């Protein structure tokens, strides 16, 4: 059986998207770890990975069906990460903690969605804005 070269190239490009999103998540996670914050390298890498995978599936996984809206799947990432972020926000003695961590998780997920959809430049620059 011959190898479909075009399919192989396409899947390698999708793999590149996943790897770039993991790298960006690691950069953000490393910055959070270096500041001794709750959600660190592994958490942010997993968030970026999952978001990019979901975007790739929602954008390319249903092309064999006529009436689908892939953006609906990706939109649920925003809700899901908001739910996870709510779990890291606490109020103790009149002060709120974890708000920046929750926002960082949310934006890391957005970066994963960007890169998963092929918007490398905006995802990478956004990573530098978060880290810097």
N, C-alpha and C. Protein backbone atom coordinates (compact mmCIF):
# COMPACT_ATOMS: atom_id res chain seq x y z
N UNK A 1 0.85 -1.17 0.00
CA UNK A 1 0.00 0.00 0.00
C UNK A 1 0.90 1.24 0.00
N UNK A 2 0.71 2.14 -0.96
CA UNK A 2 1.57 3.34 -1.03
C UNK A 2 1.22 4.33 0.08
N UNK A 3 2.24 5.06 0.49
CA UNK A 3 2.06 6.08 1.53
C UNK A 3 1.53 7.35 0.87
N UNK A 4 0.48 7.90 1.46
CA UNK A 4 -0.08 9.15 0.97
C UNK A 4 0.78 10.29 1.51
N UNK A 5 1.63 10.83 0.65
CA UNK A 5 2.59 11.85 1.07
C UNK A 5 1.91 13.12 1.58
N UNK A 6 0.82 13.51 0.93
CA UNK A 6 0.11 14.73 1.35
C UNK A 6 -0.47 14.57 2.75
N UNK A 7 -1.03 13.41 3.04
CA UNK A 7 -1.57 13.15 4.38
C UNK A 7 -0.46 13.16 5.43
N UNK A 8 0.69 12.57 5.09
CA UNK A 8 1.82 12.56 6.01
C UNK A 8 2.31 13.98 6.30
N UNK A 9 2.40 14.81 5.28
CA UNK A 9 2.83 16.21 5.46
C UNK A 9 1.83 16.96 6.32
N UNK A 10 0.55 16.76 6.07
CA UNK A 10 -0.50 17.42 6.86
C UNK A 10 -0.40 17.01 8.33
N UNK A 11 -0.23 15.73 8.59
CA UNK A 11 -0.18 15.28 9.98
C UNK A 11 1.09 15.75 10.67
N UNK A 12 2.19 15.88 9.92
CA UNK A 12 3.42 16.43 10.51
C UNK A 12 3.22 17.90 10.88
N UNK A 13 2.47 18.62 10.07
CA UNK A 13 2.19 20.03 10.39
C UNK A 13 1.32 20.13 11.64
N UNK A 14 0.36 19.22 11.79
CA UNK A 14 -0.46 19.20 13.00
C UNK A 14 0.39 18.86 14.22
N UNK A 15 1.32 17.93 14.05
CA UNK A 15 2.23 17.58 15.14
C UNK A 15 3.09 18.79 15.53
N UNK A 16 3.54 19.55 14.53
CA UNK A 16 4.30 20.77 14.81
C UNK A 16 3.48 21.73 15.65
N UNK A 17 2.20 21.87 15.33
CA UNK A 17 1.32 22.74 16.11
C UNK A 17 1.27 22.30 17.57
N UNK A 18 1.14 21.01 17.78
CA UNK A 18 1.08 20.48 19.14
C UNK A 18 2.39 20.76 19.88
N UNK A 19 3.51 20.51 19.21
CA UNK A 19 4.82 20.72 19.85
C UNK A 19 5.06 22.19 20.18
N UNK A 20 4.69 23.09 19.27
CA UNK A 20 4.87 24.52 19.52
C UNK A 20 3.99 24.97 20.69
N UNK A 21 2.77 24.46 20.74
CA UNK A 21 1.89 24.85 21.85
C UNK A 21 2.42 24.32 23.18
N UNK A 22 2.97 23.10 23.19
CA UNK A 22 3.56 22.57 24.42
C UNK A 22 4.73 23.45 24.84
N UNK A 23 5.57 23.84 23.89
CA UNK A 23 6.71 24.69 24.20
C UNK A 23 6.26 26.02 24.81
N UNK A 24 5.24 26.62 24.22
CA UNK A 24 4.72 27.88 24.76
C UNK A 24 4.15 27.69 26.16
N UNK A 25 3.41 26.60 26.36
CA UNK A 25 2.89 26.30 27.69
C UNK A 25 4.00 26.09 28.70
N UNK A 26 5.08 25.44 28.27
CA UNK A 26 6.23 25.24 29.16
C UNK A 26 6.89 26.56 29.53
N UNK A 27 6.97 27.47 28.58
CA UNK A 27 7.57 28.78 28.87
C UNK A 27 6.76 29.51 29.93
N UNK A 28 5.46 29.51 29.78
CA UNK A 28 4.59 30.18 30.75
C UNK A 28 4.67 29.45 32.09
N UNK A 29 4.62 28.13 32.06
CA UNK A 29 4.69 27.34 33.28
C UNK A 29 6.01 27.51 34.01
N UNK A 30 7.10 27.62 33.27
CA UNK A 30 8.41 27.83 33.90
C UNK A 30 8.44 29.17 34.62
N UNK A 31 7.87 30.18 33.98
CA UNK A 31 7.81 31.51 34.63
C UNK A 31 7.00 31.44 35.92
N UNK A 32 5.90 30.70 35.91
CA UNK A 32 5.07 30.58 37.12
C UNK A 32 5.78 29.75 38.18
N UNK A 33 6.48 28.69 37.76
CA UNK A 33 7.23 27.87 38.71
C UNK A 33 8.34 28.67 39.36
N UNK A 34 9.02 29.49 38.57
CA UNK A 34 10.13 30.28 39.12
C UNK A 34 9.65 31.30 40.15
N UNK A 35 8.37 31.63 40.13
CA UNK A 35 7.79 32.53 41.12
C UNK A 35 7.08 31.77 42.24
N UNK A 36 7.26 30.46 42.26
CA UNK A 36 6.67 29.57 43.28
C UNK A 36 5.16 29.66 43.33
N UNK A 37 4.53 29.68 42.17
CA UNK A 37 3.07 29.72 42.09
C UNK A 37 2.50 28.31 41.96
N UNK A 38 1.20 28.19 42.22
CA UNK A 38 0.54 26.89 42.29
C UNK A 38 0.63 26.11 40.98
N UNK A 39 0.13 26.66 39.91
CA UNK A 39 0.12 25.99 38.61
C UNK A 39 1.43 26.30 37.90
N UNK A 40 2.21 25.25 37.63
CA UNK A 40 3.53 25.46 37.07
C UNK A 40 3.71 24.90 35.68
N UNK A 41 4.90 24.40 35.44
CA UNK A 41 5.32 23.95 34.13
C UNK A 41 4.40 22.87 33.57
N UNK A 42 4.20 21.82 34.31
CA UNK A 42 3.40 20.70 33.81
C UNK A 42 1.95 21.11 33.55
N UNK A 43 1.37 21.85 34.46
CA UNK A 43 -0.02 22.28 34.30
C UNK A 43 -0.21 23.11 33.04
N UNK A 44 0.66 24.09 32.84
CA UNK A 44 0.52 24.95 31.67
C UNK A 44 0.83 24.22 30.36
N UNK A 45 1.79 23.30 30.40
CA UNK A 45 2.08 22.50 29.21
C UNK A 45 0.88 21.64 28.83
N UNK A 46 0.24 21.03 29.83
CA UNK A 46 -0.92 20.18 29.57
C UNK A 46 -2.10 21.02 29.07
N UNK A 47 -2.29 22.21 29.64
CA UNK A 47 -3.37 23.09 29.18
C UNK A 47 -3.17 23.46 27.71
N UNK A 48 -1.96 23.84 27.35
CA UNK A 48 -1.68 24.23 25.96
C UNK A 48 -1.82 23.03 25.03
N UNK A 49 -1.33 21.87 25.46
CA UNK A 49 -1.44 20.65 24.66
C UNK A 49 -2.90 20.30 24.41
N UNK A 50 -3.68 20.24 25.48
CA UNK A 50 -5.10 19.89 25.34
C UNK A 50 -5.86 20.87 24.47
N UNK A 51 -5.59 22.14 24.63
CA UNK A 51 -6.29 23.15 23.84
C UNK A 51 -5.94 23.05 22.36
N UNK A 52 -4.66 22.81 22.07
CA UNK A 52 -4.27 22.69 20.66
C UNK A 52 -4.85 21.42 20.05
N UNK A 53 -4.87 20.34 20.81
CA UNK A 53 -5.47 19.11 20.29
C UNK A 53 -6.96 19.29 20.01
N UNK A 54 -7.65 19.92 20.93
CA UNK A 54 -9.09 20.13 20.74
C UNK A 54 -9.34 21.02 19.52
N UNK A 55 -8.50 22.04 19.33
CA UNK A 55 -8.67 22.91 18.17
C UNK A 55 -8.41 22.14 16.88
N UNK A 56 -7.38 21.32 16.86
CA UNK A 56 -7.09 20.54 15.66
C UNK A 56 -8.24 19.59 15.34
N UNK A 57 -8.76 18.93 16.36
CA UNK A 57 -9.89 18.01 16.15
C UNK A 57 -11.12 18.78 15.68
N UNK A 58 -11.40 19.91 16.31
CA UNK A 58 -12.61 20.64 15.93
C UNK A 58 -12.48 21.27 14.55
N UNK A 59 -11.26 21.59 14.13
CA UNK A 59 -11.07 22.21 12.81
C UNK A 59 -10.96 21.18 11.69
N UNK A 60 -10.35 20.03 11.97
CA UNK A 60 -10.07 19.06 10.91
C UNK A 60 -10.69 17.68 11.13
N UNK A 61 -11.19 17.42 12.30
CA UNK A 61 -11.67 16.08 12.61
C UNK A 61 -13.03 15.74 12.05
N UNK A 62 -13.77 16.72 11.58
CA UNK A 62 -15.13 16.47 11.13
C UNK A 62 -15.35 16.88 9.68
N UNK A 63 -14.29 16.92 8.89
CA UNK A 63 -14.44 17.37 7.51
C UNK A 63 -15.20 16.35 6.66
N UNK A 64 -15.43 15.15 7.17
CA UNK A 64 -16.20 14.16 6.42
C UNK A 64 -17.71 14.34 6.60
N UNK A 65 -18.11 15.30 7.42
CA UNK A 65 -19.53 15.57 7.65
C UNK A 65 -19.87 16.94 7.06
N UNK A 66 -21.04 17.06 6.46
CA UNK A 66 -21.43 18.30 5.80
C UNK A 66 -21.83 19.41 6.76
N UNK A 67 -22.65 19.11 7.73
CA UNK A 67 -23.25 20.14 8.58
C UNK A 67 -22.63 20.13 9.99
N UNK A 68 -21.40 20.57 10.09
CA UNK A 68 -20.77 20.65 11.41
C UNK A 68 -20.22 22.06 11.62
N UNK A 69 -20.11 22.41 12.87
CA UNK A 69 -19.53 23.70 13.24
C UNK A 69 -18.42 23.42 14.24
N UNK A 70 -17.20 23.30 13.73
CA UNK A 70 -16.06 22.97 14.57
C UNK A 70 -15.78 23.99 15.65
N UNK A 71 -16.19 25.22 15.44
CA UNK A 71 -15.92 26.26 16.44
C UNK A 71 -16.70 26.02 17.74
N UNK A 72 -17.77 25.27 17.66
CA UNK A 72 -18.55 24.99 18.87
C UNK A 72 -17.75 24.14 19.84
N UNK A 73 -16.95 23.22 19.33
CA UNK A 73 -16.13 22.39 20.20
C UNK A 73 -15.05 23.24 20.85
N UNK A 74 -14.37 24.04 20.05
CA UNK A 74 -13.30 24.90 20.59
C UNK A 74 -13.85 25.90 21.60
N UNK A 75 -15.06 26.37 21.40
CA UNK A 75 -15.65 27.33 22.33
C UNK A 75 -15.84 26.74 23.72
N UNK A 76 -16.03 25.44 23.79
CA UNK A 76 -16.22 24.80 25.09
C UNK A 76 -14.92 24.76 25.90
N UNK A 77 -13.79 24.91 25.23
CA UNK A 77 -12.52 24.99 25.95
C UNK A 77 -12.52 26.21 26.86
N UNK A 78 -13.03 27.31 26.35
CA UNK A 78 -13.08 28.54 27.14
C UNK A 78 -13.89 28.32 28.41
N UNK A 79 -15.03 27.67 28.29
CA UNK A 79 -15.86 27.39 29.47
C UNK A 79 -15.17 26.42 30.42
N UNK A 80 -14.59 25.37 29.87
CA UNK A 80 -13.93 24.37 30.70
C UNK A 80 -12.75 24.92 31.48
N UNK A 81 -11.94 25.73 30.83
CA UNK A 81 -10.78 26.31 31.50
C UNK A 81 -11.24 27.34 32.54
N UNK A 82 -12.32 28.03 32.25
CA UNK A 82 -12.89 28.95 33.25
C UNK A 82 -13.30 28.20 34.51
N UNK A 83 -13.85 27.01 34.32
CA UNK A 83 -14.23 26.17 35.46
C UNK A 83 -13.00 25.75 36.26
N UNK A 84 -11.94 25.31 35.55
CA UNK A 84 -10.70 24.94 36.25
C UNK A 84 -10.09 26.14 36.96
N UNK A 85 -10.11 27.29 36.30
CA UNK A 85 -9.55 28.50 36.90
C UNK A 85 -10.28 28.90 38.17
N UNK A 86 -11.58 28.69 38.19
CA UNK A 86 -12.36 29.03 39.38
C UNK A 86 -11.91 28.20 40.58
N UNK A 87 -11.38 27.02 40.31
CA UNK A 87 -10.91 26.16 41.39
C UNK A 87 -9.61 26.61 42.04
N UNK A 88 -8.88 27.52 41.40
CA UNK A 88 -7.61 27.97 41.99
C UNK A 88 -7.74 29.35 42.63
N UNK A 89 -8.91 29.96 42.56
CA UNK A 89 -9.12 31.27 43.16
C UNK A 89 -9.71 31.08 44.57
N UNK A 90 -9.04 31.67 45.55
CA UNK A 90 -9.48 31.56 46.94
C UNK A 90 -9.52 32.94 47.58
N UNK A 91 -10.37 33.05 48.61
CA UNK A 91 -10.42 34.28 49.39
C UNK A 91 -10.15 33.91 50.85
N UNK A 92 -9.06 34.49 51.38
CA UNK A 92 -8.68 34.25 52.77
C UNK A 92 -8.47 35.58 53.47
N UNK A 93 -9.11 35.76 54.59
CA UNK A 93 -8.92 36.95 55.41
C UNK A 93 -9.06 38.24 54.59
N UNK A 94 -10.01 38.27 53.71
CA UNK A 94 -10.28 39.48 52.92
C UNK A 94 -9.37 39.69 51.73
N UNK A 95 -8.46 38.77 51.43
CA UNK A 95 -7.58 38.90 50.26
C UNK A 95 -7.85 37.74 49.29
N UNK A 96 -7.76 38.07 48.04
CA UNK A 96 -7.99 37.08 46.99
C UNK A 96 -6.64 36.58 46.51
N UNK A 97 -6.52 35.27 46.40
CA UNK A 97 -5.30 34.68 45.86
C UNK A 97 -5.66 33.72 44.73
N UNK A 98 -4.75 33.55 43.81
CA UNK A 98 -4.95 32.64 42.70
C UNK A 98 -5.56 33.27 41.46
N UNK A 99 -5.88 34.55 41.51
CA UNK A 99 -6.52 35.19 40.36
C UNK A 99 -5.58 35.25 39.16
N UNK A 100 -4.33 35.60 39.39
CA UNK A 100 -3.36 35.65 38.29
C UNK A 100 -3.08 34.26 37.75
N UNK A 101 -3.05 33.28 38.62
CA UNK A 101 -2.86 31.89 38.19
C UNK A 101 -4.02 31.46 37.29
N UNK A 102 -5.24 31.77 37.69
CA UNK A 102 -6.41 31.43 36.88
C UNK A 102 -6.37 32.13 35.53
N UNK A 103 -6.00 33.40 35.53
CA UNK A 103 -5.90 34.13 34.27
C UNK A 103 -4.80 33.56 33.39
N UNK A 104 -3.70 33.17 34.01
CA UNK A 104 -2.61 32.55 33.25
C UNK A 104 -3.02 31.23 32.63
N UNK A 105 -3.78 30.45 33.36
CA UNK A 105 -4.28 29.18 32.81
C UNK A 105 -5.21 29.44 31.63
N UNK A 106 -6.06 30.44 31.77
CA UNK A 106 -7.01 30.78 30.72
C UNK A 106 -6.29 31.24 29.45
N UNK A 107 -5.30 32.13 29.61
CA UNK A 107 -4.58 32.64 28.44
C UNK A 107 -3.69 31.56 27.83
N UNK A 108 -3.14 30.65 28.64
CA UNK A 108 -2.36 29.54 28.11
C UNK A 108 -3.23 28.66 27.23
N UNK A 109 -4.45 28.45 27.66
CA UNK A 109 -5.39 27.69 26.85
C UNK A 109 -5.70 28.42 25.54
N UNK A 110 -5.87 29.73 25.62
CA UNK A 110 -6.10 30.52 24.40
C UNK A 110 -4.93 30.44 23.44
N UNK A 111 -3.72 30.43 23.98
CA UNK A 111 -2.53 30.30 23.15
C UNK A 111 -2.52 28.93 22.47
N UNK A 112 -2.88 27.90 23.21
CA UNK A 112 -2.99 26.57 22.62
C UNK A 112 -4.01 26.52 21.50
N UNK A 113 -5.14 27.20 21.69
CA UNK A 113 -6.15 27.26 20.63
C UNK A 113 -5.62 27.99 19.41
N UNK A 114 -4.92 29.10 19.62
CA UNK A 114 -4.33 29.86 18.51
C UNK A 114 -3.39 29.00 17.69
N UNK A 115 -2.46 28.38 18.37
CA UNK A 115 -1.45 27.59 17.67
C UNK A 115 -2.09 26.35 17.04
N UNK A 116 -3.04 25.75 17.72
CA UNK A 116 -3.74 24.60 17.15
C UNK A 116 -4.48 24.94 15.88
N UNK A 117 -4.93 26.18 15.76
CA UNK A 117 -5.64 26.58 14.54
C UNK A 117 -4.70 27.08 13.45
N UNK A 118 -3.40 27.13 13.76
CA UNK A 118 -2.42 27.55 12.76
C UNK A 118 -1.97 28.98 12.88
N UNK A 119 -2.42 29.69 13.91
CA UNK A 119 -2.03 31.08 14.12
C UNK A 119 -0.77 31.13 14.98
N UNK A 120 0.32 30.64 14.42
CA UNK A 120 1.58 30.52 15.17
C UNK A 120 2.06 31.86 15.71
N UNK A 121 2.11 32.85 14.86
CA UNK A 121 2.71 34.13 15.23
C UNK A 121 2.00 34.77 16.42
N UNK A 122 0.69 34.83 16.36
CA UNK A 122 -0.04 35.46 17.46
C UNK A 122 0.08 34.64 18.74
N UNK A 123 0.12 33.31 18.63
CA UNK A 123 0.28 32.47 19.81
C UNK A 123 1.65 32.63 20.44
N UNK A 124 2.69 32.67 19.62
CA UNK A 124 4.05 32.81 20.14
C UNK A 124 4.26 34.20 20.74
N UNK A 125 3.80 35.23 20.05
CA UNK A 125 3.95 36.58 20.60
C UNK A 125 3.15 36.74 21.89
N UNK A 126 1.98 36.15 21.95
CA UNK A 126 1.19 36.20 23.18
C UNK A 126 1.92 35.53 24.33
N UNK A 127 2.61 34.45 24.03
CA UNK A 127 3.41 33.76 25.05
C UNK A 127 4.47 34.71 25.61
N UNK A 128 5.16 35.43 24.72
CA UNK A 128 6.18 36.36 25.18
C UNK A 128 5.59 37.50 26.00
N UNK A 129 4.38 37.93 25.66
CA UNK A 129 3.73 38.97 26.45
C UNK A 129 3.39 38.48 27.85
N UNK A 130 2.96 37.24 27.96
CA UNK A 130 2.63 36.68 29.27
C UNK A 130 3.89 36.49 30.12
N UNK A 131 4.93 35.96 29.51
CA UNK A 131 6.16 35.68 30.24
C UNK A 131 6.91 36.95 30.60
N UNK A 132 6.91 37.89 29.67
CA UNK A 132 7.68 39.14 29.86
C UNK A 132 6.96 40.08 30.69
